[in-house]
C-alpha atoms as a PDB file:
ATOM      1  CA  MET A   1      -5.950 -16.740   0.157  1.00  0.00           C
ATOM      2  CA  SER A   2      -6.818 -14.984   3.411  1.00  0.00           C
ATOM      3  CA  PRO A   3      -8.381 -11.439   3.662  1.00  0.00           C
ATOM      4  CA  VAL A   4      -6.723  -8.823   4.908  1.00  0.00           C
ATOM      5  CA  TYR A   5      -7.556  -5.737   7.187  1.00  0.00           C
ATOM      6  CA  ILE A   6      -5.544  -2.190   6.795  1.00  0.00           C
ATOM      7  CA  ALA A   7      -5.665   0.802   9.424  1.00  0.00           C
ATOM      8  CA  ARG A   8      -4.897   4.219   9.405  1.00  0.00           C
ATOM      9  CA  SER A   9      -1.880   4.622  11.141  1.00  0.00           C
ATOM     10  CA  THR A  10      -2.713   7.070  14.822  1.00  0.00           C
ATOM     11  CA  GLN A  11       1.062   8.016  14.751  1.00  0.00           C
ATOM     12  CA  VAL A  12       0.177  10.456  11.479  1.00  0.00           C
ATOM     13  CA  ALA A  13      -1.537  13.821  10.395  1.00  0.00           C
ATOM     14  CA  ALA A  14      -3.805  13.006   7.683  1.00  0.00           C
ATOM     15  CA  ARG A  15      -5.964  15.871   5.407  1.00  0.00           C
ATOM     16  CA  MET A  16      -7.529  16.193   2.891  1.00  0.00           C
ATOM     17  CA  LEU A  17      -6.117  18.345   0.059  1.00  0.00           C
ATOM     18  CA  GLY A  18      -8.014  18.945  -2.738  1.00  0.00           C
ATOM     19  CA  GLU A  19      -8.560  15.100  -4.191  1.00  0.00           C
ATOM     20  CA  GLU A  20      -5.564  14.260  -2.570  1.00  0.00           C
ATOM     21  CA  MET A  21      -4.600  12.963   0.894  1.00  0.00           C
ATOM     22  CA  MET A  22      -1.664  14.857   2.989  1.00  0.00           C
ATOM     23  CA  ILE A  23       0.410  12.918   5.270  1.00  0.00           C
ATOM     24  CA  MET A  24       2.973  13.080   7.625  1.00  0.00           C
ATOM     25  CA  SER A  25       4.764  10.194   9.957  1.00  0.00           C
ATOM     26  CA  ALA A  26       4.960  11.213  12.954  1.00  0.00           C
ATOM     27  CA  ARG A  27       8.046   8.466  13.451  1.00  0.00           C
ATOM     28  CA  ASP A  28      10.084  10.742  10.953  1.00  0.00           C
ATOM     29  CA  SER A  29       8.166  14.070   9.377  1.00  0.00           C
ATOM     30  CA  THR A  30       8.322  12.430   6.104  1.00  0.00           C
ATOM     31  CA  LEU A  31       5.108  13.941   4.122  1.00  0.00           C
ATOM     32  CA  PHE A  32       3.381  11.259   1.669  1.00  0.00           C
ATOM     33  CA  SER A  33       1.104  12.860  -0.667  1.00  0.00           C
ATOM     34  CA  LEU A  34      -1.345  10.275  -1.805  1.00  0.00           C
ATOM     35  CA  ASN A  35      -3.347  10.394  -4.998  1.00  0.00           C
ATOM     36  CA  GLU A  36      -6.802  10.103  -5.483  1.00  0.00           C
ATOM     37  CA  THR A  37      -7.671   6.210  -6.074  1.00  0.00           C
ATOM     38  CA  ALA A  38      -5.022   6.159  -2.557  1.00  0.00           C
ATOM     39  CA  SER A  39      -6.963   8.274  -1.346  1.00  0.00           C
ATOM     40  CA  ALA A  40     -10.308   6.368  -1.710  1.00  0.00           C
ATOM     41  CA  ILE A  41      -8.843   3.165  -0.176  1.00  0.00           C
ATOM     42  CA  TRP A  42      -6.748   5.171   3.241  1.00  0.00           C
ATOM     43  CA  GLN A  43      -9.655   6.608   3.947  1.00  0.00           C
ATOM     44  CA  ALA A  44     -11.699   2.837   3.308  1.00  0.00           C
ATOM     45  CA  ALA A  45      -8.685   1.728   6.349  1.00  0.00           C
ATOM     46  CA  ASP A  46     -11.038   1.149   8.960  1.00  0.00           C
ATOM     47  CA  GLY A  47      -9.177  -2.274  10.718  1.00  0.00           C
ATOM     48  CA  VAL A  48     -12.517  -4.536   9.801  1.00  0.00           C
ATOM     49  CA  THR A  49     -13.559  -3.837   6.200  1.00  0.00           C
ATOM     50  CA  PRO A  50     -11.466  -6.743   4.226  1.00  0.00           C
ATOM     51  CA  LEU A  51      -9.123  -4.440   1.295  1.00  0.00           C
ATOM     52  CA  ASP A  52     -10.822  -6.711  -1.195  1.00  0.00           C
ATOM     53  CA  GLN A  53     -14.428  -5.354  -0.036  1.00  0.00           C
ATOM     54  CA  ILE A  54     -12.673  -1.809   0.090  1.00  0.00           C
ATOM     55  CA  VAL A  55     -10.915  -2.649  -3.518  1.00  0.00           C
ATOM     56  CA  GLU A  56     -14.520  -3.813  -4.945  1.00  0.00           C
ATOM     57  CA  ARG A  57     -16.531  -0.331  -3.286  1.00  0.00           C
ATOM     58  CA  ALA A  58     -14.319   2.488  -3.423  1.00  0.00           C
ATOM     59  CA  VAL A  59     -11.352   1.425  -6.057  1.00  0.00           C
ATOM     60  CA  CYS A  60     -13.492  -0.474  -8.685  1.00  0.00           C
ATOM     61  CA  ALA A  61     -17.063   1.223  -7.871  1.00  0.00           C
ATOM     62  CA  GLU A  62     -15.431   5.099  -8.728  1.00  0.00           C
ATOM     63  CA  PHE A  63     -12.575   4.085 -11.342  1.00  0.00           C
ATOM     64  CA  ASP A  64     -12.288   2.011 -14.436  1.00  0.00           C
ATOM     65  CA  VAL A  65     -10.419  -1.455 -12.836  1.00  0.00           C
ATOM     66  CA  SER A  66     -10.676  -4.250 -12.959  1.00  0.00           C
ATOM     67  CA  HIS A  67     -10.529  -6.264  -9.126  1.00  0.00           C
ATOM     68  CA  GLU A  68      -7.903  -8.413  -9.922  1.00  0.00           C
ATOM     69  CA  GLU A  69      -5.889  -5.277 -11.478  1.00  0.00           C
ATOM     70  CA  ALA A  70      -6.809  -3.007  -8.222  1.00  0.00           C
ATOM     71  CA  LEU A  71      -6.752  -5.923  -5.517  1.00  0.00           C
ATOM     72  CA  LYS A  72      -2.958  -5.362  -6.521  1.00  0.00           C
ATOM     73  CA  ASP A  73      -2.386  -2.792  -6.766  1.00  0.00           C
ATOM     74  CA  ALA A  74      -4.441  -1.705  -3.032  1.00  0.00           C
ATOM     75  CA  GLU A  75      -1.832  -4.706  -1.585  1.00  0.00           C
ATOM     76  CA  ASP A  76       1.393  -3.152  -3.398  1.00  0.00           C
ATOM     77  CA  LEU A  77      -0.064   0.003  -1.808  1.00  0.00           C
ATOM     78  CA  ALA A  78      -0.803  -1.071   1.738  1.00  0.00           C
ATOM     79  CA  ARG A  79       2.434  -2.790   2.275  1.00  0.00           C
ATOM     80  CA  GLU A  80       4.881   0.509   1.460  1.00  0.00           C
ATOM     81  CA  LEU A  81       2.437   2.921   3.891  1.00  0.00           C
ATOM     82  CA  ALA A  82       2.935   0.113   6.411  1.00  0.00           C
ATOM     83  CA  ALA A  83       6.887  -0.199   5.595  1.00  0.00           C
ATOM     84  CA  HIS A  84       6.541   3.519   6.453  1.00  0.00           C
ATOM     85  CA  GLY A  85       4.133   3.046   9.414  1.00  0.00           C
ATOM     86  CA  ILE A  86       1.187   4.839   8.240  1.00  0.00           C
ATOM     87  CA  LEU A  87      -0.426   2.268   7.817  1.00  0.00           C
ATOM     88  CA  LEU A  88      -1.380  -1.542   9.855  1.00  0.00           C
ATOM     89  CA  VAL A  89      -1.592  -4.367   8.006  1.00  0.00           C
ATOM     90  CA  SER A  90      -3.156  -7.601   9.006  1.00  0.00           C
ATOM     91  CA  ASP A  91      -4.573 -11.216   8.133  1.00  0.00           C
ATOM     92  CA  GLN A  92      -7.485 -10.607  11.425  1.00  0.00           C
ATOM     93  CA  PRO A  93      -9.861  -7.635  11.313  1.00  0.00           C
ATOM     94  CA  ILE A  94      -7.823  -4.898  13.676  1.00  0.00           C
ATOM     95  CA  ALA A  95      -8.777  -3.364  16.903  1.00  0.00           C
ATOM     96  CA  GLN A  96      -8.154   0.457  16.643  1.00  0.00           C
ATOM     97  CA  GLU A  97      -7.511   1.863  20.312  1.00  0.00           C
ATOM     98  CA  THR A  98      -9.872   4.945  20.641  1.00  0.00           C
ATOM     99  CA  LYS A  99      -9.181   7.492  23.199  1.00  0.00           C
END
């Protein structure tokens, strides 16, 4: 299986509220609320760290879950957020634009 890379879209506004990340899509002003686990994945989505490493470091190290289960859930989350344009998903590292 080839690695999956994820990066936060630059077309969103995101803020941590307690243990949840609130994200608003600039595309359609849709508001998303990520739970603690999804927030950890979102914050680690740097475009250069493979998703399986993010899962190991940010999810498995903090929560009582198997790597396989956490990775499957993280891949599902990544696809869902990518469908809304708030996360970028690639099989190659993702170069982020700098401002």
